[in-house]
N, C-alpha and C. Protein backbone atom coordinates (compact mmCIF):
# COMPACT_ATOMS: atom_id res chain seq x y z
N MET A 1 47.41 -3.45 179.27
CA MET A 1 46.58 -4.11 179.43
C MET A 1 44.93 -4.92 178.89
N SER A 2 44.79 -5.89 178.22
CA SER A 2 43.63 -5.63 177.44
C SER A 2 42.60 -5.53 177.57
N ARG A 3 41.77 -5.03 177.21
CA ARG A 3 40.19 -5.03 177.70
C ARG A 3 39.84 -5.24 176.38
N LEU A 4 38.34 -5.61 177.15
CA LEU A 4 37.38 -5.84 176.16
C LEU A 4 36.26 -4.34 175.87
N ARG A 5 36.36 -4.63 174.32
CA ARG A 5 35.40 -3.23 173.84
C ARG A 5 34.38 -3.31 173.11
N ARG A 6 33.80 -4.70 172.89
CA ARG A 6 33.03 -4.95 171.95
C ARG A 6 32.45 -6.35 172.69
N LEU A 7 31.50 -6.48 172.71
CA LEU A 7 30.68 -8.03 173.19
C LEU A 7 29.18 -8.06 172.20
N VAL A 8 29.36 -9.42 170.83
CA VAL A 8 28.34 -8.85 170.31
C VAL A 8 27.52 -10.69 170.96
N LEU A 9 26.35 -10.41 171.74
CA LEU A 9 25.71 -11.51 171.98
C LEU A 9 24.22 -12.14 171.53
N ASP A 10 23.97 -13.83 170.99
CA ASP A 10 23.00 -13.92 171.28
C ASP A 10 22.25 -14.45 172.42
N VAL A 11 20.99 -13.91 172.19
CA VAL A 11 20.90 -13.73 174.12
C VAL A 11 19.03 -14.06 174.04
N LEU A 12 18.56 -15.04 174.80
CA LEU A 12 17.33 -15.58 175.06
C LEU A 12 17.05 -15.24 175.44
N LYS A 13 15.63 -14.29 176.31
CA LYS A 13 14.77 -13.87 176.82
C LYS A 13 13.91 -14.45 177.24
N PRO A 14 12.83 -14.22 178.84
CA PRO A 14 11.64 -14.58 178.53
C PRO A 14 10.88 -13.16 177.90
N LEU A 15 9.78 -13.72 177.37
CA LEU A 15 8.74 -12.54 176.73
C LEU A 15 8.66 -12.00 177.59
N LYS A 16 7.75 -12.35 178.95
CA LYS A 16 7.46 -11.51 179.75
C LYS A 16 8.90 -10.72 180.44
N GLU A 17 8.12 -9.46 181.34
CA GLU A 17 9.32 -8.50 181.99
C GLU A 17 10.59 -9.26 182.55
N PRO A 18 11.60 -8.39 182.17
CA PRO A 18 11.70 -6.80 182.16
C PRO A 18 11.58 -7.07 180.59
N SER A 19 11.34 -5.53 180.41
CA SER A 19 11.72 -5.30 178.61
C SER A 19 12.91 -5.27 177.90
N ILE A 20 13.02 -5.02 177.09
CA ILE A 20 14.60 -5.10 176.54
C ILE A 20 15.19 -3.55 176.88
N VAL A 21 14.16 -2.63 177.08
CA VAL A 21 14.61 -1.76 177.43
C VAL A 21 15.02 -1.30 178.91
N ASP A 22 14.32 -2.19 179.66
CA ASP A 22 14.97 -1.90 181.05
C ASP A 22 16.21 -2.98 181.27
N VAL A 23 16.59 -4.47 180.36
CA VAL A 23 17.51 -4.86 180.20
C VAL A 23 18.79 -3.66 179.43
N ALA A 24 18.34 -3.34 178.55
CA ALA A 24 19.36 -2.24 178.35
C ALA A 24 20.07 -1.16 179.52
N LEU A 25 18.97 -0.69 179.67
CA LEU A 25 19.29 -0.02 180.52
C LEU A 25 20.63 -0.61 182.37
N GLU A 26 19.71 -1.30 182.53
CA GLU A 26 20.50 -2.38 183.64
C GLU A 26 22.21 -2.40 183.01
N LEU A 27 22.09 -3.02 181.77
CA LEU A 27 23.69 -3.12 181.16
C LEU A 27 23.94 -2.17 181.21
N SER A 28 23.69 -0.60 180.45
CA SER A 28 24.50 0.52 180.49
C SER A 28 24.97 1.22 181.57
N LYS A 29 24.51 0.23 183.45
CA LYS A 29 24.52 1.07 184.21
C LYS A 29 26.05 0.65 184.51
N LEU A 30 26.59 -0.74 184.01
CA LEU A 30 27.68 -1.02 184.56
C LEU A 30 29.33 -0.25 184.19
N PRO A 31 30.11 -0.62 185.12
CA PRO A 31 31.14 0.31 185.04
C PRO A 31 32.06 -0.12 183.46
N GLY A 32 32.16 1.29 182.53
CA GLY A 32 33.38 0.54 181.70
C GLY A 32 32.04 0.29 180.12
N ILE A 33 31.26 0.24 180.38
CA ILE A 33 29.83 0.10 179.14
C ILE A 33 29.43 1.83 178.95
N ASP A 34 29.73 1.66 177.53
CA ASP A 34 29.65 3.60 176.58
C ASP A 34 28.17 3.05 176.24
N SER A 35 27.79 2.27 175.76
CA SER A 35 26.64 1.95 174.75
C SER A 35 26.34 0.58 174.63
N VAL A 36 24.83 0.42 174.61
CA VAL A 36 24.30 -1.22 174.59
C VAL A 36 22.89 -0.75 173.87
N ASN A 37 22.91 -1.83 172.27
CA ASN A 37 21.77 -1.54 171.55
C ASN A 37 21.41 -3.55 171.17
N ILE A 38 20.06 -3.80 171.82
CA ILE A 38 19.80 -4.38 171.72
C ILE A 38 18.51 -4.84 170.69
N THR A 39 18.24 -6.02 170.18
CA THR A 39 17.70 -5.67 168.87
C THR A 39 17.06 -7.33 168.63
N VAL A 40 15.67 -6.74 168.48
CA VAL A 40 14.85 -8.40 168.72
C VAL A 40 14.88 -9.22 167.63
N ASN A 41 15.31 -10.69 167.42
CA ASN A 41 15.51 -11.25 165.82
C ASN A 41 14.36 -11.73 165.89
N GLU A 42 13.91 -12.51 166.93
CA GLU A 42 12.30 -13.22 166.65
C GLU A 42 11.88 -13.30 168.22
N VAL A 43 10.41 -13.63 168.02
CA VAL A 43 9.63 -13.43 169.26
C VAL A 43 9.07 -14.96 169.20
N ASP A 44 9.24 -15.77 170.09
CA ASP A 44 8.80 -17.24 169.81
C ASP A 44 7.24 -16.57 171.13
N VAL A 45 6.70 -18.08 171.18
CA VAL A 45 5.61 -17.96 172.01
C VAL A 45 6.14 -17.72 174.08
N GLU A 46 7.50 -18.69 174.25
CA GLU A 46 7.66 -17.87 175.63
C GLU A 46 8.98 -17.18 175.51
N THR A 47 9.66 -17.21 174.51
CA THR A 47 11.34 -16.28 174.55
C THR A 47 11.50 -15.12 172.99
N LEU A 48 12.17 -14.90 173.80
CA LEU A 48 12.95 -13.55 172.66
C LEU A 48 13.77 -13.76 172.48
N SER A 49 14.34 -13.82 170.85
CA SER A 49 15.92 -14.10 170.54
C SER A 49 16.39 -12.54 170.27
N LEU A 50 17.27 -12.59 171.32
CA LEU A 50 17.88 -10.60 170.71
C LEU A 50 19.39 -10.56 170.74
N THR A 51 19.90 -9.98 169.86
CA THR A 51 21.03 -9.73 169.61
C THR A 51 21.43 -8.20 170.93
N VAL A 52 22.98 -8.75 171.25
CA VAL A 52 22.91 -7.54 172.24
C VAL A 52 24.06 -7.26 171.75
N VAL A 53 24.52 -5.93 171.60
CA VAL A 53 25.76 -5.18 171.02
C VAL A 53 25.99 -4.54 172.53
N ILE A 54 27.24 -4.55 172.54
CA ILE A 54 27.56 -3.21 174.38
C ILE A 54 29.04 -3.25 173.60
N GLU A 55 29.41 -2.40 173.69
CA GLU A 55 30.76 -1.16 173.55
C GLU A 55 30.90 -0.21 175.06
N GLY A 56 32.17 -0.32 174.75
CA GLY A 56 32.82 0.32 175.87
C GLY A 56 34.29 0.31 176.39
N GLU A 57 34.55 1.16 177.22
CA GLU A 57 36.33 1.31 177.19
C GLU A 57 36.70 -0.49 178.13
N SER A 58 35.80 -0.81 178.36
CA SER A 58 36.52 -1.83 179.47
C SER A 58 35.43 -2.75 179.99
N ILE A 59 34.91 -3.89 179.43
CA ILE A 59 33.41 -4.38 179.40
C ILE A 59 34.31 -5.61 180.24
N ASP A 60 33.34 -5.74 181.43
CA ASP A 60 33.78 -6.72 182.48
C ASP A 60 32.50 -8.09 181.84
N PHE A 61 33.02 -9.03 180.75
CA PHE A 61 32.34 -10.31 180.68
C PHE A 61 31.31 -10.77 181.77
N ASP A 62 32.09 -11.25 182.85
CA ASP A 62 30.97 -11.61 184.09
C ASP A 62 30.58 -10.71 184.47
N SER A 63 30.07 -9.48 184.78
CA SER A 63 29.10 -8.63 185.24
C SER A 63 28.21 -9.07 183.90
N VAL A 64 28.66 -9.01 182.66
CA VAL A 64 26.92 -8.43 181.79
C VAL A 64 26.61 -9.99 182.18
N LYS A 65 27.06 -11.25 182.22
CA LYS A 65 26.34 -12.17 182.12
C LYS A 65 25.79 -12.33 182.99
N ARG A 66 25.99 -11.79 184.43
CA ARG A 66 25.17 -11.78 186.02
C ARG A 66 24.27 -10.78 185.55
N VAL A 67 24.63 -9.85 185.17
CA VAL A 67 23.22 -8.71 184.96
C VAL A 67 22.08 -9.89 184.15
N LEU A 68 22.12 -10.45 183.11
CA LEU A 68 21.26 -10.93 182.15
C LEU A 68 20.72 -12.13 182.76
N GLU A 69 22.01 -13.07 183.24
CA GLU A 69 20.64 -13.84 184.42
C GLU A 69 19.98 -13.40 185.36
N GLU A 70 20.06 -12.11 185.80
CA GLU A 70 19.46 -11.87 186.79
C GLU A 70 18.33 -11.49 186.54
N VAL A 71 18.11 -11.15 185.00
CA VAL A 71 16.80 -10.36 184.34
C VAL A 71 16.07 -12.01 183.96
N GLY A 72 16.70 -12.76 184.10
CA GLY A 72 16.20 -14.13 183.25
C GLY A 72 16.69 -14.68 182.04
N ALA A 73 17.50 -13.63 181.80
CA ALA A 73 17.94 -14.40 179.98
C ALA A 73 19.13 -15.00 180.63
N ALA A 74 19.46 -15.80 179.23
CA ALA A 74 20.24 -16.43 178.97
C ALA A 74 21.73 -15.72 177.51
N ILE A 75 22.87 -16.57 177.68
CA ILE A 75 23.70 -15.86 176.77
C ILE A 75 23.65 -17.23 175.86
N HIS A 76 23.16 -17.78 174.93
CA HIS A 76 23.24 -18.85 173.99
C HIS A 76 24.15 -19.07 173.22
N SER A 77 24.78 -17.47 172.33
CA SER A 77 25.94 -17.69 171.99
C SER A 77 27.31 -15.98 172.19
N ILE A 78 28.21 -16.60 171.86
CA ILE A 78 28.88 -15.40 171.91
C ILE A 78 29.70 -14.97 170.54
N ASP A 79 28.83 -14.05 169.92
CA ASP A 79 29.32 -14.55 168.09
C ASP A 79 29.89 -13.32 167.47
N GLN A 80 30.83 -12.16 168.64
CA GLN A 80 31.54 -10.64 168.35
C GLN A 80 32.31 -10.31 169.78
N VAL A 81 33.47 -10.79 169.49
CA VAL A 81 34.11 -10.13 170.47
C VAL A 81 35.51 -9.28 170.23
N VAL A 82 35.92 -7.88 170.73
CA VAL A 82 36.48 -6.90 169.99
C VAL A 82 37.35 -7.02 171.14
N ALA A 83 38.73 -6.59 171.52
CA ALA A 83 40.07 -6.77 172.17
C ALA A 83 40.78 -5.89 171.83
N GLY A 84 41.41 -4.76 173.35
CA GLY A 84 42.40 -4.14 172.60
C GLY A 84 42.20 -2.51 173.00
N LYS A 85 43.30 -2.24 172.35
CA LYS A 85 43.16 -0.84 172.49
C LYS A 85 42.12 0.42 171.36
N LYS A 86 41.97 -0.22 170.67
CA LYS A 86 40.76 0.12 169.81
C LYS A 86 40.18 -0.90 169.03
N ILE A 87 38.28 -0.54 168.29
CA ILE A 87 37.84 -1.24 168.17
C ILE A 87 38.42 -1.43 166.24
N VAL A 88 38.27 -2.86 166.09
CA VAL A 88 38.71 -3.23 164.43
C VAL A 88 37.00 -3.95 163.50
N GLU A 89 37.34 -2.91 162.83
CA GLU A 89 35.61 -2.79 162.20
C GLU A 89 36.26 -3.79 161.15
N VAL A 90 35.06 -5.13 161.07
CA VAL A 90 35.61 -6.01 159.82
C VAL A 90 34.93 -5.52 158.46
N PRO A 91 35.58 -5.37 157.36
CA PRO A 91 35.33 -4.82 156.41
C PRO A 91 34.23 -6.01 155.75
N PRO A 92 33.21 -5.36 155.43
CA PRO A 92 31.82 -6.15 154.65
C PRO A 92 32.38 -6.57 153.23
N ARG A 93 31.69 -8.03 153.39
CA ARG A 93 32.09 -8.98 152.38
C ARG A 93 31.51 -8.42 150.84
N PRO A 94 32.17 -8.82 149.56
CA PRO A 94 31.64 -8.69 148.74
C PRO A 94 30.07 -9.16 147.97
N ALA A 95 29.57 -9.12 147.43
CA ALA A 95 27.97 -9.62 147.28
C ALA A 95 28.69 -10.67 146.22
N GLU A 96 28.08 -11.99 146.19
CA GLU A 96 28.49 -13.12 145.50
C GLU A 96 26.81 -13.35 144.13
């Protein structure tokens, strides 16, 4: 059975609570998730633009989406998905 191993999400979160620390901790509580990395890309008057990287043995996308919605965040785009028995890294592109 195939399973999700990594998700990279572009997420918009209200500037106010909860903090990105709280969001990361809530996501990391989900079964099948080993690690969560949240990076702030942009701060607007009312929102934070975040890159959320989630890795694990068996990530349930619906659960991730539910937790993000519960904290008031919205998935703007899904930027990377890795599925299968192992994580395949994308080699860096040569500089132009």
